[in-house]
Each structure stands twice: as structure tokens, then as C-alpha cells.
Amino acid sequence: MIMQPNILNQLLNYPKYVLTIRELMAILGVKRSSAIVQASRLVKQGLLITAGRNLFLVALKPIDWLAVAVEMYSPSYISLDSALNFHGLIDQIPKPIFLCTTRRPLKKSIVTQEFVYRNVADSLFFGFQRQGSTIIALPEKALLDQLYFAHRRSVSFHADEINFKAINWDRLFEFAKHFPNTIQKEIFSVYRQNDNSR
């Protein structure tokens, strides 16, 4: 299969990072069965990267992994260690990208990048904003998500490693009202310990 220049340009300029088979059908101008065959060929040629069942990335396009993470499994938002690092609350750069979703938990890898999606109830699916081409938790929500999953023994929480000077305490207390009492009590404890640094 010879890639036509106009099709290559459409792939490179497509506004999303993750392409579905339906979107490839529109770009290639073919039916579903033909799009699946052509996509397989484009993967073998190194022009597309398989991102899941009938999901693809454009290999020649710089990949924004944070955007890919959100597009690949929606609804979701970047949170936990990934958002804490993004906002400068922790120095450590986590290898996986951590996200929260209302869908079932999922672990996934594409090429060398890992993604970990943790399930939250609908009532806790808030406190995020669009940042560039992705969706990411506000610093206070990322902190609460980290603490919440630490209580469920899914992640670790080390208060001494967090830059609390970057926290909006009023927003943190407001967000904390949606979490269990154990989380709220721990937030107040952390607040008292960091009161002098505010």
C-alpha cells in the first residue's frame, strides 16, 4: 500500500492522538473491513502504532502521552503521582501515567509507556481541568486521590515528600467534603502539621 500524501497529511494533522477505526475509515475513505486491513498494513510499515483493539497512534507524529492516556480510556483524568509531579508537589517522576476513571480499573502498555487507570465513584469524579491537550486533576484533587487510594492500599502516601506550599487549603477542604471521614481527618492532621509553612 502506497500512502498518498493527502492521507499522510490528514493523519499527521488529525486533532486527536488516538485514532479509532471509524476515524481511519473517514480519513482513508474506505469501509470498515478495508480500513482494518489497511490499518494492519500501516502498522507493519511503521506508520501507525497499535494502541488497543482498533485503536492507533500515528507513529510519525510527536506523541503527547498524557493526551493519549485520557483519549484512550474515557472518561478519565490524570491524577495521583502523575498530577502531583505535573503540578510540582512531588519531585519523583512516576514511570506509569496514573489516571482516575469511572470505568473498571485497567493497566495498559503502548510501546514503552505504561498506563494505570484506577476506578473512582461518580461522586469523586471531579476536580480536574483541561490542560493543553489533556485533562488533569487540580493539585488538591490529585492529593486527595493519592490519599484515598493509599487508604485502599493501592498506592503509597508520604506527606513529608509533598510540597504543601503549592496547595490551596480552602479548595482542599472543600474537595475533601466529598471523601470519607477518614480522609477528611487525615487532611486536617496534615494541615495542622504544615500550618507554619503556609
C-alpha atoms as a PDB file:
ATOM      1  CA  MET A   1       0.000   0.000   0.000  1.00  0.00           C
ATOM      2  CA  ILE A   2       1.413   3.371  -1.059  1.00  0.00           C
ATOM      3  CA  MET A   3       0.481   6.170   1.300  1.00  0.00           C
ATOM      4  CA  GLN A   4      -0.992   9.113  -0.562  1.00  0.00           C
ATOM      5  CA  PRO A   5       0.429  12.488   0.554  1.00  0.00           C
ATOM      6  CA  ASN A   6      -3.008  13.926   1.367  1.00  0.00           C
ATOM      7  CA  ILE A   7      -3.835  10.937   3.597  1.00  0.00           C
ATOM      8  CA  LEU A   8      -0.475  11.201   5.373  1.00  0.00           C
ATOM      9  CA  ASN A   9      -1.138  14.902   5.970  1.00  0.00           C
ATOM     10  CA  GLN A  10      -4.577  14.111   7.392  1.00  0.00           C
ATOM     11  CA  LEU A  11      -3.035  11.576   9.774  1.00  0.00           C
ATOM     12  CA  LEU A  12      -0.320  13.990  10.881  1.00  0.00           C
ATOM     13  CA  ASN A  13      -2.731  16.896  11.333  1.00  0.00           C
ATOM     14  CA  TYR A  14      -5.590  14.984  12.935  1.00  0.00           C
ATOM     15  CA  PRO A  15      -6.561  16.847  16.151  1.00  0.00           C
ATOM     16  CA  LYS A  16      -6.586  13.692  18.295  1.00  0.00           C
ATOM     17  CA  TYR A  17      -3.679  11.427  19.213  1.00  0.00           C
ATOM     18  CA  VAL A  18      -5.671   8.185  19.380  1.00  0.00           C
ATOM     19  CA  LEU A  19      -7.425   7.197  16.161  1.00  0.00           C
ATOM     20  CA  THR A  20     -10.385   4.823  16.174  1.00  0.00           C
ATOM     21  CA  ILE A  21     -11.132   2.530  13.271  1.00  0.00           C
ATOM     22  CA  ARG A  22     -14.142   4.731  12.447  1.00  0.00           C
ATOM     23  CA  GLU A  23     -11.882   7.786  12.193  1.00  0.00           C
ATOM     24  CA  LEU A  24      -9.472   5.845   9.968  1.00  0.00           C
ATOM     25  CA  MET A  25     -12.394   4.876   7.748  1.00  0.00           C
ATOM     26  CA  ALA A  26     -13.161   8.579   7.250  1.00  0.00           C
ATOM     27  CA  ILE A  27      -9.518   9.519   6.600  1.00  0.00           C
ATOM     28  CA  LEU A  28      -8.862   6.639   4.197  1.00  0.00           C
ATOM     29  CA  GLY A  29     -12.294   6.897   2.571  1.00  0.00           C
ATOM     30  CA  VAL A  30     -12.987   3.172   2.875  1.00  0.00           C
ATOM     31  CA  LYS A  31     -15.403   0.778   4.573  1.00  0.00           C
ATOM     32  CA  ARG A  32     -14.677  -0.803   7.955  1.00  0.00           C
ATOM     33  CA  SER A  33     -13.321  -4.120   6.679  1.00  0.00           C
ATOM     34  CA  SER A  34     -10.945  -2.372   4.299  1.00  0.00           C
ATOM     35  CA  ALA A  35      -9.872   0.120   6.995  1.00  0.00           C
ATOM     36  CA  ILE A  36      -8.923  -2.755   9.316  1.00  0.00           C
ATOM     37  CA  VAL A  37      -6.807  -4.369   6.570  1.00  0.00           C
ATOM     38  CA  GLN A  38      -5.142  -1.083   5.634  1.00  0.00           C
ATOM     39  CA  ALA A  39      -4.501  -0.207   9.277  1.00  0.00           C
ATOM     40  CA  SER A  40      -2.715  -3.537   9.729  1.00  0.00           C
ATOM     41  CA  ARG A  41      -0.509  -2.743   6.742  1.00  0.00           C
ATOM     42  CA  LEU A  42       0.239   0.756   8.056  1.00  0.00           C
ATOM     43  CA  VAL A  43       1.270  -0.751  11.385  1.00  0.00           C
ATOM     44  CA  LYS A  44       3.660  -3.150   9.597  1.00  0.00           C
ATOM     45  CA  GLN A  45       5.087  -0.205   7.640  1.00  0.00           C
ATOM     46  CA  GLY A  46       5.722   1.656  10.881  1.00  0.00           C
ATOM     47  CA  LEU A  47       3.298   4.485  10.096  1.00  0.00           C
ATOM     48  CA  LEU A  48       0.764   3.545  12.776  1.00  0.00           C
ATOM     49  CA  ILE A  49       1.197   2.118  16.293  1.00  0.00           C
ATOM     50  CA  THR A  50      -1.402  -0.241  17.715  1.00  0.00           C
ATOM     51  CA  ALA A  51      -2.881   1.270  20.895  1.00  0.00           C
ATOM     52  CA  GLY A  52      -5.549  -1.354  21.541  1.00  0.00           C
ATOM     53  CA  ARG A  53      -8.321  -3.130  19.689  1.00  0.00           C
ATOM     54  CA  ASN A  54      -8.954  -0.937  16.620  1.00  0.00           C
ATOM     55  CA  LEU A  55      -7.115   1.981  18.233  1.00  0.00           C
ATOM     56  CA  PHE A  56      -3.995   3.518  16.693  1.00  0.00           C
ATOM     57  CA  LEU A  57      -1.392   6.247  17.118  1.00  0.00           C
ATOM     58  CA  VAL A  58       0.352   7.986  14.227  1.00  0.00           C
ATOM     59  CA  ALA A  59       3.990   6.914  14.517  1.00  0.00           C
ATOM     60  CA  LEU A  60       5.413   9.933  12.662  1.00  0.00           C
ATOM     61  CA  LYS A  61       3.645  12.393  14.947  1.00  0.00           C
ATOM     62  CA  PRO A  62       5.251  13.503  18.258  1.00  0.00           C
ATOM     63  CA  ILE A  63       3.290  11.662  20.945  1.00  0.00           C
ATOM     64  CA  ASP A  64       1.853  13.502  23.945  1.00  0.00           C
ATOM     65  CA  TRP A  65       1.451  10.550  26.286  1.00  0.00           C
ATOM     66  CA  LEU A  66      -0.700  12.498  28.768  1.00  0.00           C
ATOM     67  CA  ALA A  67      -3.172  13.275  25.977  1.00  0.00           C
ATOM     68  CA  VAL A  68      -3.051   9.675  24.754  1.00  0.00           C
ATOM     69  CA  ALA A  69      -3.795   8.410  28.270  1.00  0.00           C
ATOM     70  CA  VAL A  70      -7.025  10.404  28.516  1.00  0.00           C
ATOM     71  CA  GLU A  71      -8.172   9.745  24.941  1.00  0.00           C
ATOM     72  CA  MET A  72      -7.519   6.023  25.137  1.00  0.00           C
ATOM     73  CA  TYR A  73      -9.848   5.282  28.069  1.00  0.00           C
ATOM     74  CA  SER A  74     -12.603   7.825  28.585  1.00  0.00           C
ATOM     75  CA  PRO A  75     -13.874   9.282  30.823  1.00  0.00           C
ATOM     76  CA  SER A  76     -10.640   9.701  32.736  1.00  0.00           C
ATOM     77  CA  TYR A  77      -8.258  12.334  34.036  1.00  0.00           C
ATOM     78  CA  ILE A  78      -4.572  12.376  35.006  1.00  0.00           C
ATOM     79  CA  SER A  79      -4.183  12.186  38.785  1.00  0.00           C
ATOM     80  CA  LEU A  80      -2.240  10.684  41.698  1.00  0.00           C
ATOM     81  CA  ASP A  81       1.577  10.803  41.406  1.00  0.00           C
ATOM     82  CA  SER A  82       1.401  11.875  37.755  1.00  0.00           C
ATOM     83  CA  ALA A  83      -0.628  15.011  38.529  1.00  0.00           C
ATOM     84  CA  LEU A  84       1.297  15.701  41.746  1.00  0.00           C
ATOM     85  CA  ASN A  85       4.536  15.713  39.759  1.00  0.00           C
ATOM     86  CA  PHE A  86       2.990  17.792  36.960  1.00  0.00           C
ATOM     87  CA  HIS A  87       1.965  20.479  39.467  1.00  0.00           C
ATOM     88  CA  GLY A  88       5.325  20.423  41.268  1.00  0.00           C
ATOM     89  CA  LEU A  89       4.051  18.885  44.507  1.00  0.00           C
ATOM     90  CA  ILE A  90       6.494  15.978  44.305  1.00  0.00           C
ATOM     91  CA  ASP A  91       9.872  15.625  42.600  1.00  0.00           C
ATOM     92  CA  GLN A  92       9.628  11.957  41.659  1.00  0.00           C
ATOM     93  CA  ILE A  93       8.559  11.258  38.083  1.00  0.00           C
ATOM     94  CA  PRO A  94       6.382   8.125  38.058  1.00  0.00           C
ATOM     95  CA  LYS A  95       7.030   5.674  35.235  1.00  0.00           C
ATOM     96  CA  PRO A  96       3.389   4.794  34.651  1.00  0.00           C
ATOM     97  CA  ILE A  97       0.858   7.526  33.981  1.00  0.00           C
ATOM     98  CA  PHE A  98      -1.808   7.311  36.681  1.00  0.00           C
ATOM     99  CA  LEU A  99      -5.423   8.216  35.963  1.00  0.00           C
ATOM    100  CA  CYS A 100      -8.830   8.086  37.617  1.00  0.00           C
ATOM    101  CA  THR A 101     -11.859   6.785  35.745  1.00  0.00           C
ATOM    102  CA  THR A 102     -15.451   5.820  36.476  1.00  0.00           C
ATOM    103  CA  ARG A 103     -14.915   2.717  34.335  1.00  0.00           C
ATOM    104  CA  ARG A 104     -13.339  -0.518  35.525  1.00  0.00           C
ATOM    105  CA  PRO A 105      -9.657  -0.409  36.597  1.00  0.00           C
ATOM    106  CA  LEU A 106      -7.194  -1.046  33.800  1.00  0.00           C
ATOM    107  CA  LYS A 107      -3.450  -1.423  33.251  1.00  0.00           C
ATOM    108  CA  LYS A 108      -2.165  -0.951  29.732  1.00  0.00           C
ATOM    109  CA  SER A 109       1.123  -0.509  27.877  1.00  0.00           C
ATOM    110  CA  ILE A 110       1.848   1.042  24.498  1.00  0.00           C
ATOM    111  CA  VAL A 111       5.432   0.712  23.279  1.00  0.00           C
ATOM    112  CA  THR A 112       7.369   1.568  26.475  1.00  0.00           C
ATOM    113  CA  GLN A 113       4.710   3.719  28.164  1.00  0.00           C
ATOM    114  CA  GLU A 114       2.559   2.277  30.945  1.00  0.00           C
ATOM    115  CA  PHE A 115      -0.902   3.497  31.967  1.00  0.00           C
ATOM    116  CA  VAL A 116      -2.741   2.707  35.207  1.00  0.00           C
ATOM    117  CA  TYR A 117      -6.431   3.607  35.457  1.00  0.00           C
ATOM    118  CA  ARG A 118      -7.955   3.479  38.944  1.00  0.00           C
ATOM    119  CA  ASN A 119     -11.699   3.392  39.468  1.00  0.00           C
ATOM    120  CA  VAL A 120     -13.488   6.117  41.435  1.00  0.00           C
ATOM    121  CA  ALA A 121     -17.179   6.512  42.158  1.00  0.00           C
ATOM    122  CA  ASP A 122     -19.142   9.073  40.165  1.00  0.00           C
ATOM    123  CA  SER A 123     -19.272  11.250  43.298  1.00  0.00           C
ATOM    124  CA  LEU A 124     -15.450  11.535  43.273  1.00  0.00           C
ATOM    125  CA  PHE A 125     -15.116  12.194  39.546  1.00  0.00           C
ATOM    126  CA  PHE A 126     -14.496  15.941  39.745  1.00  0.00           C
ATOM    127  CA  GLY A 127     -11.730  18.447  40.441  1.00  0.00           C
ATOM    128  CA  PHE A 128      -9.963  18.354  37.084  1.00  0.00           C
ATOM    129  CA  GLN A 129      -9.416  20.768  34.213  1.00  0.00           C
ATOM    130  CA  ARG A 130      -8.253  20.780  30.628  1.00  0.00           C
ATOM    131  CA  GLN A 131      -4.515  21.492  30.431  1.00  0.00           C
ATOM    132  CA  GLY A 132      -3.274  21.795  26.881  1.00  0.00           C
ATOM    133  CA  SER A 133      -4.379  18.657  25.069  1.00  0.00           C
ATOM    134  CA  THR A 134      -5.110  16.590  28.172  1.00  0.00           C
ATOM    135  CA  ILE A 135      -7.316  16.593  31.285  1.00  0.00           C
ATOM    136  CA  ILE A 136      -5.580  16.680  34.660  1.00  0.00           C
ATOM    137  CA  ALA A 137      -6.582  16.854  38.315  1.00  0.00           C
ATOM    138  CA  LEU A 138      -6.134  20.115  40.177  1.00  0.00           C
ATOM    139  CA  PRO A 139      -3.303  19.815  42.744  1.00  0.00           C
ATOM    140  CA  GLU A 140      -5.735  19.482  45.650  1.00  0.00           C
ATOM    141  CA  LYS A 141      -7.781  16.754  43.954  1.00  0.00           C
ATOM    142  CA  ALA A 142      -4.645  14.822  42.981  1.00  0.00           C
ATOM    143  CA  LEU A 143      -3.546  14.935  46.632  1.00  0.00           C
ATOM    144  CA  LEU A 144      -6.926  13.667  47.833  1.00  0.00           C
ATOM    145  CA  ASP A 145      -6.968  10.919  45.195  1.00  0.00           C
ATOM    146  CA  GLN A 146      -3.489   9.838  46.303  1.00  0.00           C
ATOM    147  CA  LEU A 147      -4.572   9.728  49.947  1.00  0.00           C
ATOM    148  CA  TYR A 148      -7.809   7.929  49.066  1.00  0.00           C
ATOM    149  CA  PHE A 149      -6.053   5.139  47.198  1.00  0.00           C
ATOM    150  CA  ALA A 150      -3.324   4.952  49.844  1.00  0.00           C
ATOM    151  CA  HIS A 151      -6.071   4.106  52.343  1.00  0.00           C
ATOM    152  CA  ARG A 152      -7.160   1.362  49.974  1.00  0.00           C
ATOM    153  CA  ARG A 153      -3.533   0.177  49.856  1.00  0.00           C
ATOM    154  CA  SER A 154      -3.295   0.720  46.100  1.00  0.00           C
ATOM    155  CA  VAL A 155      -0.600   3.414  46.252  1.00  0.00           C
ATOM    156  CA  SER A 156       1.732   4.963  48.831  1.00  0.00           C
ATOM    157  CA  PHE A 157       1.376   8.352  50.502  1.00  0.00           C
ATOM    158  CA  HIS A 158       4.342  10.145  52.060  1.00  0.00           C
ATOM    159  CA  ALA A 159       3.341  13.548  53.415  1.00  0.00           C
ATOM    160  CA  ASP A 160       6.981  14.513  54.002  1.00  0.00           C
ATOM    161  CA  GLU A 161       7.663  14.324  50.228  1.00  0.00           C
ATOM    162  CA  ILE A 162       4.889  16.747  49.250  1.00  0.00           C
ATOM    163  CA  ASN A 163       5.338  20.474  48.676  1.00  0.00           C
ATOM    164  CA  PHE A 164       2.317  21.747  50.601  1.00  0.00           C
ATOM    165  CA  LYS A 165       3.183  25.359  49.798  1.00  0.00           C
ATOM    166  CA  ALA A 166       1.643  24.740  46.373  1.00  0.00           C
ATOM    167  CA  ILE A 167      -1.695  23.712  47.929  1.00  0.00           C
ATOM    168  CA  ASN A 168      -4.801  25.896  48.111  1.00  0.00           C
ATOM    169  CA  TRP A 169      -6.043  24.787  51.524  1.00  0.00           C
ATOM    170  CA  ASP A 170      -9.540  26.273  51.122  1.00  0.00           C
ATOM    171  CA  ARG A 171     -10.043  24.306  47.921  1.00  0.00           C
ATOM    172  CA  LEU A 172      -8.552  21.194  49.525  1.00  0.00           C
ATOM    173  CA  PHE A 173     -11.010  21.361  52.441  1.00  0.00           C
ATOM    174  CA  GLU A 174     -13.911  21.954  50.049  1.00  0.00           C
ATOM    175  CA  PHE A 175     -12.943  18.967  47.887  1.00  0.00           C
ATOM    176  CA  ALA A 176     -12.342  16.822  50.985  1.00  0.00           C
ATOM    177  CA  LYS A 177     -16.035  17.084  51.944  1.00  0.00           C
ATOM    178  CA  HIS A 178     -16.801  14.596  49.175  1.00  0.00           C
ATOM    179  CA  PHE A 179     -14.399  11.976  50.587  1.00  0.00           C
ATOM    180  CA  PRO A 180     -14.856   9.562  53.520  1.00  0.00           C
ATOM    181  CA  ASN A 181     -14.390  10.881  57.064  1.00  0.00           C
ATOM    182  CA  THR A 182     -11.069   9.056  57.433  1.00  0.00           C
ATOM    183  CA  ILE A 183      -9.658  11.090  54.530  1.00  0.00           C
ATOM    184  CA  GLN A 184     -11.035  14.349  55.918  1.00  0.00           C
ATOM    185  CA  LYS A 185      -9.471  13.680  59.325  1.00  0.00           C
ATOM    186  CA  GLU A 186      -6.098  12.953  57.756  1.00  0.00           C
ATOM    187  CA  ILE A 187      -6.271  16.165  55.723  1.00  0.00           C
ATOM    188  CA  PHE A 188      -6.900  18.176  58.896  1.00  0.00           C
ATOM    189  CA  SER A 189      -3.967  16.389  60.529  1.00  0.00           C
ATOM    190  CA  VAL A 190      -1.717  17.241  57.584  1.00  0.00           C
ATOM    191  CA  TYR A 191      -2.965  20.833  57.707  1.00  0.00           C
ATOM    192  CA  ARG A 192      -2.035  21.202  61.377  1.00  0.00           C
ATOM    193  CA  GLN A 193       1.418  19.770  60.734  1.00  0.00           C
ATOM    194  CA  ASN A 194       2.013  22.208  57.861  1.00  0.00           C
ATOM    195  CA  ASP A 195       0.339  25.247  59.387  1.00  0.00           C
ATOM    196  CA  ASN A 196       3.665  27.004  59.982  1.00  0.00           C
ATOM    197  CA  SER A 197       4.729  26.601  56.368  1.00  0.00           C
ATOM    198  CA  ARG A 198       1.680  28.389  54.924  1.00  0.00           C
END
